[in-house]
Protein backbone atom coordinates (compact mmCIF):
# COMPACT_ATOMS: atom_id res chain seq x y z
CA THR A 1 -90.03 260.74 -77.37
CA ALA A 2 -86.34 260.64 -78.20
CA ASP A 3 -85.78 264.01 -76.51
CA ALA A 4 -87.32 262.78 -73.25
CA ALA A 5 -85.21 259.59 -73.39
CA SER A 6 -82.08 261.69 -73.95
CA HIS A 7 -82.87 263.88 -70.92
CA ARG A 8 -83.56 260.77 -68.82
CA ALA A 9 -80.23 259.24 -69.89
CA THR A 10 -78.44 262.51 -69.07
CA ARG A 11 -80.00 262.63 -65.60
CA LEU A 12 -79.09 258.98 -65.03
CA GLY A 13 -75.49 259.70 -66.08
CA ILE A 14 -75.25 262.67 -63.73
CA ALA A 15 -76.69 260.60 -60.88
CA ALA A 16 -74.20 257.80 -61.58
CA ILE A 17 -71.25 260.21 -61.50
CA LEU A 18 -72.47 261.78 -58.26
CA LEU A 19 -72.92 258.34 -56.70
CA GLY A 20 -69.45 257.30 -57.85
CA VAL A 21 -67.81 260.41 -56.39
CA LEU A 22 -69.73 259.89 -53.15
CA CYS A 23 -68.52 256.27 -52.95
CA ILE A 24 -64.91 257.31 -53.60
CA SER A 25 -65.13 259.99 -50.89
CA VAL A 26 -66.70 257.61 -48.37
CA ASN A 27 -64.02 255.02 -49.22
CA ASP A 28 -61.20 257.50 -48.61
CA VAL A 29 -62.68 258.70 -45.31
CA ALA A 30 -63.25 255.10 -44.17
CA MET A 31 -59.69 254.12 -45.05
CA LYS A 32 -58.33 257.15 -43.18
CA THR A 33 -60.53 256.50 -40.15
CA LEU A 34 -59.89 252.76 -39.93
CA SER A 35 -56.16 252.88 -40.73
CA GLY A 36 -55.31 253.72 -37.12
CA GLY A 37 -56.75 250.48 -35.79
CA TYR A 38 -56.41 247.93 -38.58
CA PRO A 39 -53.50 246.81 -40.76
CA LEU A 40 -53.48 248.40 -44.20
CA HIS A 41 -53.42 245.08 -46.07
CA GLN A 42 -56.54 243.98 -44.19
CA LEU A 43 -58.40 247.16 -45.13
CA VAL A 44 -57.39 246.83 -48.78
CA PHE A 45 -58.49 243.19 -48.78
CA ILE A 46 -61.96 244.05 -47.42
CA ARG A 47 -62.27 246.95 -49.87
CA SER A 48 -61.28 244.65 -52.72
CA ILE A 49 -63.85 242.02 -51.70
CA ILE A 50 -66.57 244.68 -51.73
CA GLY A 51 -65.43 246.05 -55.09
CA LEU A 52 -65.17 242.56 -56.59
CA SER A 53 -68.68 241.70 -55.39
CA VAL A 54 -70.14 244.79 -57.04
CA SER A 55 -68.13 244.15 -60.22
CA VAL A 56 -69.28 240.52 -60.47
CA ALA A 57 -72.90 241.60 -59.99
CA LEU A 58 -72.58 244.22 -62.74
CA LEU A 59 -70.78 241.74 -64.99
CA HIS A 60 -73.65 239.29 -64.56
CA LEU A 61 -76.17 242.01 -65.48
CA GLU A 62 -74.15 243.03 -68.56
CA GLY A 63 -73.88 239.56 -70.07
CA GLY A 64 -71.58 237.27 -68.12
CA TRP A 65 -68.03 236.03 -67.81
CA HIS A 66 -67.27 235.87 -71.54
CA LEU A 67 -66.99 239.68 -71.52
CA LEU A 68 -63.70 239.31 -69.62
CA ARG A 69 -61.94 237.48 -72.45
CA THR A 70 -58.82 239.31 -73.64
CA ASP A 71 -56.21 238.94 -76.35
CA ARG A 72 -53.60 240.74 -74.20
CA PRO A 73 -53.28 238.94 -70.86
CA GLY A 74 -49.78 240.32 -70.24
CA LEU A 75 -50.96 243.93 -70.48
CA HIS A 76 -53.89 243.13 -68.20
CA ALA A 77 -51.52 241.60 -65.65
CA LEU A 78 -49.35 244.73 -65.83
CA ARG A 79 -52.42 246.91 -65.37
CA ALA A 80 -53.49 244.83 -62.35
CA ALA A 81 -50.03 245.23 -60.80
CA LEU A 82 -50.16 248.99 -61.36
CA VAL A 83 -53.62 249.17 -59.74
CA PHE A 84 -52.25 247.23 -56.77
CA VAL A 85 -49.29 249.61 -56.39
CA ALA A 86 -51.52 252.67 -56.80
CA ASN A 87 -54.01 251.43 -54.20
CA MET A 88 -51.45 250.34 -51.64
CA THR A 89 -49.39 253.52 -51.83
CA PHE A 90 -52.45 255.81 -51.85
CA PHE A 91 -54.03 254.06 -48.87
CA ALA A 92 -50.68 254.16 -47.06
CA ALA A 93 -50.64 257.90 -47.79
CA LEU A 94 -54.14 258.22 -46.34
CA ALA A 95 -52.95 256.45 -43.19
CA ALA A 96 -49.83 258.62 -42.84
CA LEU A 97 -50.93 262.06 -44.05
CA PRO A 98 -53.93 264.30 -43.51
CA LEU A 99 -56.72 263.33 -45.91
CA ALA A 100 -56.66 266.67 -47.73
CA THR A 101 -52.89 266.57 -48.22
CA ALA A 102 -52.83 263.00 -49.57
CA THR A 103 -55.72 263.75 -51.93
CA ALA A 104 -54.26 267.03 -53.13
CA VAL A 105 -50.85 265.51 -53.88
CA PHE A 106 -52.52 262.59 -55.70
CA PHE A 107 -53.99 265.15 -58.11
CA VAL A 108 -50.66 265.11 -59.95
CA ALA A 109 -51.98 261.97 -61.69
CA PRO A 110 -53.47 263.88 -64.67
CA LEU A 111 -50.17 265.74 -65.01
CA PHE A 112 -48.30 262.43 -65.15
CA THR A 113 -50.84 261.11 -67.65
CA THR A 114 -50.16 264.08 -69.93
CA LEU A 115 -46.38 263.76 -69.67
CA LEU A 116 -46.31 259.97 -70.04
CA SER A 117 -48.63 260.05 -73.06
CA VAL A 118 -45.69 261.34 -75.12
CA PRO A 119 -43.31 258.37 -74.72
CA ILE A 120 -45.98 255.68 -74.24
CA LEU A 121 -48.60 256.71 -76.81
CA GLY A 122 -46.59 259.04 -79.02
CA ALA A 123 -49.03 261.86 -78.28
CA GLN A 124 -48.27 265.42 -79.29
CA VAL A 125 -48.28 267.71 -76.25
CA GLY A 126 -48.09 271.34 -77.20
CA PRO A 127 -46.56 274.24 -75.29
CA ARG A 128 -49.87 275.31 -73.72
CA ARG A 129 -50.42 271.86 -72.22
CA LEU A 130 -46.82 271.70 -71.03
CA LEU A 131 -47.28 275.11 -69.41
CA ALA A 132 -50.46 273.85 -67.73
CA VAL A 133 -48.58 270.79 -66.43
CA GLY A 134 -45.85 273.08 -65.07
CA VAL A 135 -48.40 275.30 -63.32
CA GLY A 136 -50.05 272.19 -61.88
CA PHE A 137 -46.74 270.96 -60.48
CA LEU A 138 -46.11 274.38 -58.96
CA GLY A 139 -49.50 274.12 -57.26
CA VAL A 140 -48.59 270.76 -55.75
CA LEU A 141 -45.21 272.13 -54.64
CA ALA A 142 -46.98 275.05 -52.96
CA MET A 143 -49.25 272.64 -51.06
CA THR A 144 -46.31 270.55 -49.88
CA ALA A 145 -43.85 273.36 -49.18
CA PRO A 146 -41.93 273.39 -45.91
CA GLY A 147 -44.34 274.34 -43.17
CA ALA A 148 -47.30 272.57 -44.80
CA ASP A 149 -49.49 270.62 -42.38
CA LEU A 150 -48.43 266.99 -42.63
CA GLY A 151 -50.22 265.94 -39.46
CA GLY A 152 -46.95 264.87 -37.85
CA ALA A 153 -46.02 262.60 -40.76
CA PRO A 154 -42.43 262.59 -42.02
CA ARG A 155 -41.80 264.53 -45.24
CA TRP A 156 -40.94 261.31 -47.12
CA ALA A 157 -44.62 260.28 -46.71
CA LEU A 158 -45.40 262.84 -49.43
CA ALA A 159 -43.80 260.39 -51.88
CA LEU A 160 -46.61 257.88 -51.25
CA PRO A 161 -49.37 259.74 -53.10
CA VAL A 162 -46.87 260.72 -55.82
CA VAL A 163 -46.00 257.04 -56.41
CA ALA A 164 -49.73 256.23 -56.33
CA ALA A 165 -50.40 258.94 -58.93
CA LEU A 166 -47.58 257.71 -61.16
CA ALA A 167 -48.82 254.10 -61.01
CA TYR A 168 -52.40 255.25 -61.63
CA ALA A 169 -51.40 257.44 -64.59
CA THR A 170 -49.36 254.62 -66.13
CA MET A 171 -52.26 252.22 -65.64
CA GLN A 172 -54.60 254.63 -67.44
CA LEU A 173 -52.32 254.77 -70.46
């Protein structure tokens, strides 16, 4: 029945999200663990090869190379550059900072997305959303306040996940 198919699709969607979050978490832990013994660019290259392999396999299953055709190659090149900057700075943050700190600071990305949606997309952001963004920034400031555990990293290393979040947010828009 249609109801059974809907429940099956819902369960499949939930499983896919859980698998995706698990893969992201394993990726971050692996990058943190391996960053002490391998150059960052080498780790990113291997990660990219794995991601590209999975993407090509999925592309093949979904219909082939023609699905990649675009009318806006310049915007796609910009998006690729932003992904590169976001990945490199986030993985550098994982190498320099404790995993929890780098991840927590990166969570400013949705705040940047909200703020940047005004000039880039012309979105209307009301006072309640602006207040929520402000509270979110205060939360990040509290996590990175003087005395926060940076695992021996210099304070400037906190800029790495912020730059990563800004590049990621811009890429999303």
